[in-house]
Amino acid sequence: MPNIKSQIKRDQTNKAANLANNSIKSELRTAIKKVEALVKEGKKEEAENAKAQVAALKADGKALEEIMEKAQKDMTNELLEIPN
């Protein structure tokens, strides 16, 4: 437990931000799993629509850029490749 008042406040804001970040990452992982499942089933049109949903989440703005590392973003893009 920190003794400095500003650090106590900072810990509280960090916890709140962490919870928000976790929900965003969870949404993204769920959307990616949905795309993967549709690709395995061979439903390419539905997979494209689901991929658009993931793109919307990724384009959601600055928040996702601050949450994900570059390597994680690249891996996500690779997972979303839909074979022809």
PDB file of N, CA and C in Angstrom:
ATOM      1  N   MET A   1       0.844  -1.175   0.000  1.00  0.00           N
ATOM      2  CA  MET A   1       0.000   0.000   0.000  1.00  0.00           C
ATOM      3  C   MET A   1       0.895   1.246   0.000  1.00  0.00           C
ATOM      4  N   PRO A   2       0.715   2.112  -0.985  1.00  0.00           N
ATOM      5  CA  PRO A   2       1.564   3.301  -1.059  1.00  0.00           C
ATOM      6  C   PRO A   2       1.238   4.304   0.051  1.00  0.00           C
ATOM      7  N   ASN A   3       2.237   5.038   0.453  1.00  0.00           N
ATOM      8  CA  ASN A   3       2.069   6.065   1.484  1.00  0.00           C
ATOM      9  C   ASN A   3       1.770   7.429   0.880  1.00  0.00           C
ATOM     10  N   ILE A   4       2.137   7.616  -0.359  1.00  0.00           N
ATOM     11  CA  ILE A   4       1.984   8.914  -1.005  1.00  0.00           C
ATOM     12  C   ILE A   4       0.584   9.011  -1.610  1.00  0.00           C
ATOM     13  N   LYS A   5      -0.083  10.133  -1.329  1.00  0.00           N
ATOM     14  CA  LYS A   5      -1.475  10.301  -1.742  1.00  0.00           C
ATOM     15  C   LYS A   5      -1.638  10.252  -3.266  1.00  0.00           C
ATOM     16  N   SER A   6      -0.720  10.871  -3.974  1.00  0.00           N
ATOM     17  CA  SER A   6      -0.832  10.873  -5.436  1.00  0.00           C
ATOM     18  C   SER A   6      -0.673   9.465  -6.005  1.00  0.00           C
ATOM     19  N   GLN A   7       0.148   8.647  -5.371  1.00  0.00           N
ATOM     20  CA  GLN A   7       0.317   7.272  -5.846  1.00  0.00           C
ATOM     21  C   GLN A   7      -0.932   6.442  -5.570  1.00  0.00           C
ATOM     22  N   ILE A   8      -1.599   6.711  -4.463  1.00  0.00           N
ATOM     23  CA  ILE A   8      -2.858   6.019  -4.160  1.00  0.00           C
ATOM     24  C   ILE A   8      -3.884   6.336  -5.244  1.00  0.00           C
ATOM     25  N   LYS A   9      -3.981   7.617  -5.613  1.00  0.00           N
ATOM     26  CA  LYS A   9      -4.914   8.030  -6.667  1.00  0.00           C
ATOM     27  C   LYS A   9      -4.531   7.388  -8.001  1.00  0.00           C
ATOM     28  N   ARG A  10      -3.245   7.347  -8.269  1.00  0.00           N
ATOM     29  CA  ARG A  10      -2.769   6.770  -9.530  1.00  0.00           C
ATOM     30  C   ARG A  10      -3.105   5.284  -9.609  1.00  0.00           C
ATOM     31  N   ASP A  11      -2.977   4.583  -8.489  1.00  0.00           N
ATOM     32  CA  ASP A  11      -3.338   3.164  -8.454  1.00  0.00           C
ATOM     33  C   ASP A  11      -4.814   2.965  -8.774  1.00  0.00           C
ATOM     34  N   GLN A  12      -5.659   3.866  -8.258  1.00  0.00           N
ATOM     35  CA  GLN A  12      -7.093   3.758  -8.529  1.00  0.00           C
ATOM     36  C   GLN A  12      -7.388   3.969 -10.011  1.00  0.00           C
ATOM     37  N   THR A  13      -6.753   4.966 -10.626  1.00  0.00           N
ATOM     38  CA  THR A  13      -7.003   5.208 -12.048  1.00  0.00           C
ATOM     39  C   THR A  13      -6.454   4.074 -12.902  1.00  0.00           C
ATOM     40  N   ASN A  14      -5.323   3.503 -12.485  1.00  0.00           N
ATOM     41  CA  ASN A  14      -4.761   2.373 -13.225  1.00  0.00           C
ATOM     42  C   ASN A  14      -5.690   1.170 -13.185  1.00  0.00           C
ATOM     43  N   LYS A  15      -6.301   0.903 -12.034  1.00  0.00           N
ATOM     44  CA  LYS A  15      -7.238  -0.217 -11.926  1.00  0.00           C
ATOM     45  C   LYS A  15      -8.438  -0.007 -12.843  1.00  0.00           C
ATOM     46  N   ALA A  16      -8.971   1.216 -12.865  1.00  0.00           N
ATOM     47  CA  ALA A  16     -10.124   1.509 -13.715  1.00  0.00           C
ATOM     48  C   ALA A  16      -9.763   1.352 -15.190  1.00  0.00           C
ATOM     49  N   ALA A  17      -8.601   1.858 -15.579  1.00  0.00           N
ATOM     50  CA  ALA A  17      -8.167   1.748 -16.973  1.00  0.00           C
ATOM     51  C   ALA A  17      -7.932   0.297 -17.348  1.00  0.00           C
ATOM     52  N   ASN A  18      -7.381  -0.481 -16.430  1.00  0.00           N
ATOM     53  CA  ASN A  18      -7.113  -1.890 -16.687  1.00  0.00           C
ATOM     54  C   ASN A  18      -8.409  -2.648 -16.944  1.00  0.00           C
ATOM     55  N   LEU A  19      -9.442  -2.359 -16.165  1.00  0.00           N
ATOM     56  CA  LEU A  19     -10.735  -3.015 -16.376  1.00  0.00           C
ATOM     57  C   LEU A  19     -11.316  -2.658 -17.743  1.00  0.00           C
ATOM     58  N   ALA A  20     -11.220  -1.389 -18.117  1.00  0.00           N
ATOM     59  CA  ALA A  20     -11.733  -0.962 -19.418  1.00  0.00           C
ATOM     60  C   ALA A  20     -10.954  -1.624 -20.545  1.00  0.00           C
ATOM     61  N   ASN A  21      -9.637  -1.680 -20.409  1.00  0.00           N
ATOM     62  CA  ASN A  21      -8.802  -2.297 -21.437  1.00  0.00           C
ATOM     63  C   ASN A  21      -9.116  -3.779 -21.577  1.00  0.00           C
ATOM     64  N   ASN A  22      -9.341  -4.456 -20.462  1.00  0.00           N
ATOM     65  CA  ASN A  22      -9.648  -5.882 -20.514  1.00  0.00           C
ATOM     66  C   ASN A  22     -10.935  -6.146 -21.276  1.00  0.00           C
ATOM     67  N   SER A  23     -11.945  -5.293 -21.102  1.00  0.00           N
ATOM     68  CA  SER A  23     -13.204  -5.519 -21.814  1.00  0.00           C
ATOM     69  C   SER A  23     -13.025  -5.308 -23.315  1.00  0.00           C
ATOM     70  N   ILE A  24     -12.225  -4.327 -23.702  1.00  0.00           N
ATOM     71  CA  ILE A  24     -11.980  -4.078 -25.125  1.00  0.00           C
ATOM     72  C   ILE A  24     -11.226  -5.252 -25.741  1.00  0.00           C
ATOM     73  N   LYS A  25     -10.188  -5.725 -25.038  1.00  0.00           N
ATOM     74  CA  LYS A  25      -9.418  -6.859 -25.550  1.00  0.00           C
ATOM     75  C   LYS A  25     -10.279  -8.112 -25.636  1.00  0.00           C
ATOM     76  N   SER A  26     -11.169  -8.284 -24.687  1.00  0.00           N
ATOM     77  CA  SER A  26     -12.048  -9.447 -24.693  1.00  0.00           C
ATOM     78  C   SER A  26     -12.982  -9.407 -25.905  1.00  0.00           C
ATOM     79  N   GLU A  27     -13.545  -8.233 -26.193  1.00  0.00           N
ATOM     80  CA  GLU A  27     -14.407  -8.085 -27.373  1.00  0.00           C
ATOM     81  C   GLU A  27     -13.643  -8.440 -28.643  1.00  0.00           C
ATOM     82  N   LEU A  28     -12.421  -7.962 -28.732  1.00  0.00           N
ATOM     83  CA  LEU A  28     -11.608  -8.216 -29.917  1.00  0.00           C
ATOM     84  C   LEU A  28     -11.310  -9.702 -30.066  1.00  0.00           C
ATOM     85  N   ARG A  29     -10.930 -10.367 -28.978  1.00  0.00           N
ATOM     86  CA  ARG A  29     -10.636 -11.801 -29.041  1.00  0.00           C
ATOM     87  C   ARG A  29     -11.875 -12.595 -29.448  1.00  0.00           C
ATOM     88  N   THR A  30     -13.037 -12.215 -28.918  1.00  0.00           N
ATOM     89  CA  THR A  30     -14.275 -12.904 -29.267  1.00  0.00           C
ATOM     90  C   THR A  30     -14.579 -12.744 -30.751  1.00  0.00           C
ATOM     91  N   ALA A  31     -14.407 -11.538 -31.273  1.00  0.00           N
ATOM     92  CA  ALA A  31     -14.663 -11.295 -32.692  1.00  0.00           C
ATOM     93  C   ALA A  31     -13.699 -12.091 -33.568  1.00  0.00           C
ATOM     94  N   ILE A  32     -12.448 -12.193 -33.155  1.00  0.00           N
ATOM     95  CA  ILE A  32     -11.463 -12.961 -33.923  1.00  0.00           C
ATOM     96  C   ILE A  32     -11.835 -14.435 -33.935  1.00  0.00           C
ATOM     97  N   LYS A  33     -12.247 -14.961 -32.786  1.00  0.00           N
ATOM     98  CA  LYS A  33     -12.655 -16.366 -32.714  1.00  0.00           C
ATOM     99  C   LYS A  33     -13.859 -16.630 -33.609  1.00  0.00           C
ATOM    100  N   LYS A  34     -14.758 -15.656 -33.697  1.00  0.00           N
ATOM    101  CA  LYS A  34     -15.933 -15.802 -34.553  1.00  0.00           C
ATOM    102  C   LYS A  34     -15.508 -15.902 -36.021  1.00  0.00           C
ATOM    103  N   VAL A  35     -14.567 -15.060 -36.431  1.00  0.00           N
ATOM    104  CA  VAL A  35     -14.070 -15.102 -37.808  1.00  0.00           C
ATOM    105  C   VAL A  35     -13.410 -16.448 -38.087  1.00  0.00           C
ATOM    106  N   GLU A  36     -12.575 -16.908 -37.158  1.00  0.00           N
ATOM    107  CA  GLU A  36     -11.892 -18.191 -37.349  1.00  0.00           C
ATOM    108  C   GLU A  36     -12.888 -19.338 -37.487  1.00  0.00           C
ATOM    109  N   ALA A  37     -13.933 -19.331 -36.671  1.00  0.00           N
ATOM    110  CA  ALA A  37     -14.932 -20.397 -36.732  1.00  0.00           C
ATOM    111  C   ALA A  37     -15.667 -20.378 -38.065  1.00  0.00           C
ATOM    112  N   LEU A  38     -16.001 -19.185 -38.553  1.00  0.00           N
ATOM    113  CA  LEU A  38     -16.706 -19.080 -39.828  1.00  0.00           C
ATOM    114  C   LEU A  38     -15.819 -19.525 -40.989  1.00  0.00           C
ATOM    115  N   VAL A  39     -14.539 -19.231 -40.915  1.00  0.00           N
ATOM    116  CA  VAL A  39     -13.616 -19.656 -41.972  1.00  0.00           C
ATOM    117  C   VAL A  39     -13.518 -21.179 -41.991  1.00  0.00           C
ATOM    118  N   LYS A  40     -13.440 -21.789 -40.813  1.00  0.00           N
ATOM    119  CA  LYS A  40     -13.354 -23.250 -40.746  1.00  0.00           C
ATOM    120  C   LYS A  40     -14.606 -23.908 -41.308  1.00  0.00           C
ATOM    121  N   GLU A  41     -15.760 -23.261 -41.112  1.00  0.00           N
ATOM    122  CA  GLU A  41     -17.013 -23.809 -41.630  1.00  0.00           C
ATOM    123  C   GLU A  41     -17.168 -23.560 -43.122  1.00  0.00           C
ATOM    124  N   GLY A  42     -16.357 -22.677 -43.670  1.00  0.00           N
ATOM    125  CA  GLY A  42     -16.414 -22.391 -45.095  1.00  0.00           C
ATOM    126  C   GLY A  42     -17.410 -21.301 -45.458  1.00  0.00           C
ATOM    127  N   LYS A  43     -17.865 -20.546 -44.505  1.00  0.00           N
ATOM    128  CA  LYS A  43     -18.826 -19.459 -44.744  1.00  0.00           C
ATOM    129  C   LYS A  43     -18.049 -18.158 -44.955  1.00  0.00           C
ATOM    130  N   LYS A  44     -17.599 -17.959 -46.186  1.00  0.00           N
ATOM    131  CA  LYS A  44     -16.702 -16.844 -46.472  1.00  0.00           C
ATOM    132  C   LYS A  44     -17.400 -15.489 -46.399  1.00  0.00           C
ATOM    133  N   GLU A  45     -18.649 -15.405 -46.871  1.00  0.00           N
ATOM    134  CA  GLU A  45     -19.349 -14.124 -46.838  1.00  0.00           C
ATOM    135  C   GLU A  45     -19.585 -13.671 -45.404  1.00  0.00           C
ATOM    136  N   GLU A  46     -20.017 -14.607 -44.562  1.00  0.00           N
ATOM    137  CA  GLU A  46     -20.237 -14.269 -43.161  1.00  0.00           C
ATOM    138  C   GLU A  46     -18.912 -13.939 -42.476  1.00  0.00           C
ATOM    139  N   ALA A  47     -17.856 -14.618 -42.883  1.00  0.00           N
ATOM    140  CA  ALA A  47     -16.535 -14.337 -42.318  1.00  0.00           C
ATOM    141  C   ALA A  47     -16.086 -12.927 -42.685  1.00  0.00           C
ATOM    142  N   GLU A  48     -16.380 -12.508 -43.906  1.00  0.00           N
ATOM    143  CA  GLU A  48     -16.035 -11.149 -44.320  1.00  0.00           C
ATOM    144  C   GLU A  48     -16.785 -10.125 -43.473  1.00  0.00           C
ATOM    145  N   ASN A  49     -18.078 -10.397 -43.199  1.00  0.00           N
ATOM    146  CA  ASN A  49     -18.855  -9.487 -42.360  1.00  0.00           C
ATOM    147  C   ASN A  49     -18.289  -9.431 -40.943  1.00  0.00           C
ATOM    148  N   ALA A  50     -17.921 -10.586 -40.414  1.00  0.00           N
ATOM    149  CA  ALA A  50     -17.340 -10.637 -39.074  1.00  0.00           C
ATOM    150  C   ALA A  50     -15.983  -9.939 -39.057  1.00  0.00           C
ATOM    151  N   LYS A  51     -15.240 -10.080 -40.158  1.00  0.00           N
ATOM    152  CA  LYS A  51     -13.945  -9.407 -40.258  1.00  0.00           C
ATOM    153  C   LYS A  51     -14.146  -7.892 -40.258  1.00  0.00           C
ATOM    154  N   ALA A  52     -15.222  -7.436 -40.889  1.00  0.00           N
ATOM    155  CA  ALA A  52     -15.534  -6.008 -40.882  1.00  0.00           C
ATOM    156  C   ALA A  52     -15.827  -5.531 -39.461  1.00  0.00           C
ATOM    157  N   GLN A  53     -16.454  -6.393 -38.666  1.00  0.00           N
ATOM    158  CA  GLN A  53     -16.731  -6.051 -37.275  1.00  0.00           C
ATOM    159  C   GLN A  53     -15.419  -5.886 -36.500  1.00  0.00           C
ATOM    160  N   VAL A  54     -14.477  -6.779 -36.755  1.00  0.00           N
ATOM    161  CA  VAL A  54     -13.173  -6.687 -36.094  1.00  0.00           C
ATOM    162  C   VAL A  54     -12.466  -5.410 -36.533  1.00  0.00           C
ATOM    163  N   ALA A  55     -12.557  -5.096 -37.817  1.00  0.00           N
ATOM    164  CA  ALA A  55     -11.928  -3.879 -38.322  1.00  0.00           C
ATOM    165  C   ALA A  55     -12.542  -2.652 -37.653  1.00  0.00           C
ATOM    166  N   ALA A  56     -13.855  -2.698 -37.423  1.00  0.00           N
ATOM    167  CA  ALA A  56     -14.510  -1.588 -36.742  1.00  0.00           C
ATOM    168  C   ALA A  56     -14.002  -1.464 -35.309  1.00  0.00           C
ATOM    169  N   LEU A  57     -13.802  -2.599 -34.655  1.00  0.00           N
ATOM    170  CA  LEU A  57     -13.255  -2.566 -33.296  1.00  0.00           C
ATOM    171  C   LEU A  57     -11.839  -2.001 -33.298  1.00  0.00           C
ATOM    172  N   LYS A  58     -11.043  -2.409 -34.290  1.00  0.00           N
ATOM    173  CA  LYS A  58      -9.666  -1.939 -34.360  1.00  0.00           C
ATOM    174  C   LYS A  58      -9.615  -0.457 -34.712  1.00  0.00           C
ATOM    175  N   ALA A  59     -10.569  -0.015 -35.520  1.00  0.00           N
ATOM    176  CA  ALA A  59     -10.602   1.383 -35.916  1.00  0.00           C
ATOM    177  C   ALA A  59     -11.281   2.234 -34.852  1.00  0.00           C
ATOM    178  N   ASP A  60     -11.669   1.573 -33.768  1.00  0.00           N
ATOM    179  CA  ASP A  60     -12.385   2.249 -32.701  1.00  0.00           C
ATOM    180  C   ASP A  60     -11.589   3.427 -32.166  1.00  0.00           C
ATOM    181  N   GLY A  61     -10.336   3.459 -32.478  1.00  0.00           N
ATOM    182  CA  GLY A  61      -9.594   4.652 -32.141  1.00  0.00           C
ATOM    183  C   GLY A  61      -8.315   4.415 -31.392  1.00  0.00           C
ATOM    184  N   LYS A  62      -7.911   5.451 -30.755  1.00  0.00           N
ATOM    185  CA  LYS A  62      -6.637   5.508 -30.065  1.00  0.00           C
ATOM    186  C   LYS A  62      -6.561   4.491 -28.936  1.00  0.00           C
ATOM    187  N   ALA A  63      -7.695   4.172 -28.330  1.00  0.00           N
ATOM    188  CA  ALA A  63      -7.697   3.276 -27.169  1.00  0.00           C
ATOM    189  C   ALA A  63      -7.048   1.944 -27.502  1.00  0.00           C
ATOM    190  N   LEU A  64      -7.420   1.354 -28.633  1.00  0.00           N
ATOM    191  CA  LEU A  64      -6.881   0.047 -28.989  1.00  0.00           C
ATOM    192  C   LEU A  64      -5.392   0.133 -29.313  1.00  0.00           C
ATOM    193  N   GLU A  65      -4.955   1.260 -29.869  1.00  0.00           N
ATOM    194  CA  GLU A  65      -3.537   1.425 -30.171  1.00  0.00           C
ATOM    195  C   GLU A  65      -2.705   1.419 -28.899  1.00  0.00           C
ATOM    196  N   GLU A  66      -3.254   1.986 -27.834  1.00  0.00           N
ATOM    197  CA  GLU A  66      -2.521   2.047 -26.578  1.00  0.00           C
ATOM    198  C   GLU A  66      -2.548   0.719 -25.842  1.00  0.00           C
ATOM    199  N   ILE A  67      -3.536  -0.111 -26.131  1.00  0.00           N
ATOM    200  CA  ILE A  67      -3.691  -1.379 -25.424  1.00  0.00           C
ATOM    201  C   ILE A  67      -2.799  -2.454 -26.011  1.00  0.00           C
ATOM    202  N   MET A  68      -2.757  -2.543 -27.335  1.00  0.00           N
ATOM    203  CA  MET A  68      -2.074  -3.648 -28.000  1.00  0.00           C
ATOM    204  C   MET A  68      -0.664  -3.261 -28.435  1.00  0.00           C
ATOM    205  N   GLU A  69       0.244  -4.208 -28.297  1.00  0.00           N
ATOM    206  CA  GLU A  69       1.600  -4.036 -28.802  1.00  0.00           C
ATOM    207  C   GLU A  69       1.588  -4.251 -30.318  1.00  0.00           C
ATOM    208  N   LYS A  70       2.624  -3.777 -31.006  1.00  0.00           N
ATOM    209  CA  LYS A  70       2.695  -3.900 -32.459  1.00  0.00           C
ATOM    210  C   LYS A  70       2.677  -5.365 -32.896  1.00  0.00           C
ATOM    211  N   ALA A  71       3.417  -6.218 -32.197  1.00  0.00           N
ATOM    212  CA  ALA A  71       3.461  -7.632 -32.561  1.00  0.00           C
ATOM    213  C   ALA A  71       2.086  -8.274 -32.416  1.00  0.00           C
ATOM    214  N   GLN A  72       1.347  -7.866 -31.400  1.00  0.00           N
ATOM    215  CA  GLN A  72       0.011  -8.414 -31.187  1.00  0.00           C
ATOM    216  C   GLN A  72      -0.934  -7.950 -32.300  1.00  0.00           C
ATOM    217  N   LYS A  73      -0.784  -6.710 -32.743  1.00  0.00           N
ATOM    218  CA  LYS A  73      -1.599  -6.213 -33.854  1.00  0.00           C
ATOM    219  C   LYS A  73      -1.300  -6.995 -35.129  1.00  0.00           C
ATOM    220  N   ASP A  74      -0.009  -7.238 -35.384  1.00  0.00           N
ATOM    221  CA  ASP A  74       0.382  -7.989 -36.575  1.00  0.00           C
ATOM    222  C   ASP A  74      -0.174  -9.408 -36.528  1.00  0.00           C
ATOM    223  N   MET A  75      -0.111 -10.032 -35.364  1.00  0.00           N
ATOM    224  CA  MET A  75      -0.628 -11.388 -35.208  1.00  0.00           C
ATOM    225  C   MET A  75      -2.141 -11.411 -35.453  1.00  0.00           C
ATOM    226  N   THR A  76      -2.832 -10.391 -34.969  1.00  0.00           N
ATOM    227  CA  THR A  76      -4.275 -10.300 -35.177  1.00  0.00           C
ATOM    228  C   THR A  76      -4.589 -10.197 -36.659  1.00  0.00           C
ATOM    229  N   ASN A  77      -3.826  -9.392 -37.378  1.00  0.00           N
ATOM    230  CA  ASN A  77      -4.040  -9.256 -38.818  1.00  0.00           C
ATOM    231  C   ASN A  77      -3.804 -10.574 -39.543  1.00  0.00           C
ATOM    232  N   GLU A  78      -2.804 -11.335 -39.104  1.00  0.00           N
ATOM    233  CA  GLU A  78      -2.541 -12.638 -39.719  1.00  0.00           C
ATOM    234  C   GLU A  78      -3.683 -13.608 -39.452  1.00  0.00           C
ATOM    235  N   LEU A  79      -4.251 -13.556 -38.260  1.00  0.00           N
ATOM    236  CA  LEU A  79      -5.358 -14.448 -37.923  1.00  0.00           C
ATOM    237  C   LEU A  79      -6.594 -14.152 -38.765  1.00  0.00           C
ATOM    238  N   LEU A  80      -6.709 -12.917 -39.213  1.00  0.00           N
ATOM    239  CA  LEU A  80      -7.897 -12.510 -39.957  1.00  0.00           C
ATOM    240  C   LEU A  80      -7.783 -12.746 -41.454  1.00  0.00           C
ATOM    241  N   GLU A  81      -6.690 -13.337 -41.898  1.00  0.00           N
ATOM    242  CA  GLU A  81      -6.551 -13.659 -43.315  1.00  0.00           C
ATOM    243  C   GLU A  81      -7.597 -14.711 -43.684  1.00  0.00           C
ATOM    244  N   ILE A  82      -8.407 -14.402 -44.678  1.00  0.00           N
ATOM    245  CA  ILE A  82      -9.438 -15.336 -45.133  1.00  0.00           C
ATOM    246  C   ILE A  82      -8.960 -15.951 -46.440  1.00  0.00           C
ATOM    247  N   PRO A  83      -8.723 -17.262 -46.450  1.00  0.00           N
ATOM    248  CA  PRO A  83      -8.226 -17.911 -47.666  1.00  0.00           C
ATOM    249  C   PRO A  83      -9.280 -17.915 -48.767  1.00  0.00           C
ATOM    250  N   ASN A  84      -8.816 -17.911 -50.018  1.00  0.00           N
ATOM    251  CA  ASN A  84      -9.751 -17.920 -51.157  1.00  0.00           C
ATOM    252  C   ASN A  84     -10.229 -19.288 -51.478  1.00  0.00           C
TER     253      ASN A  84
END
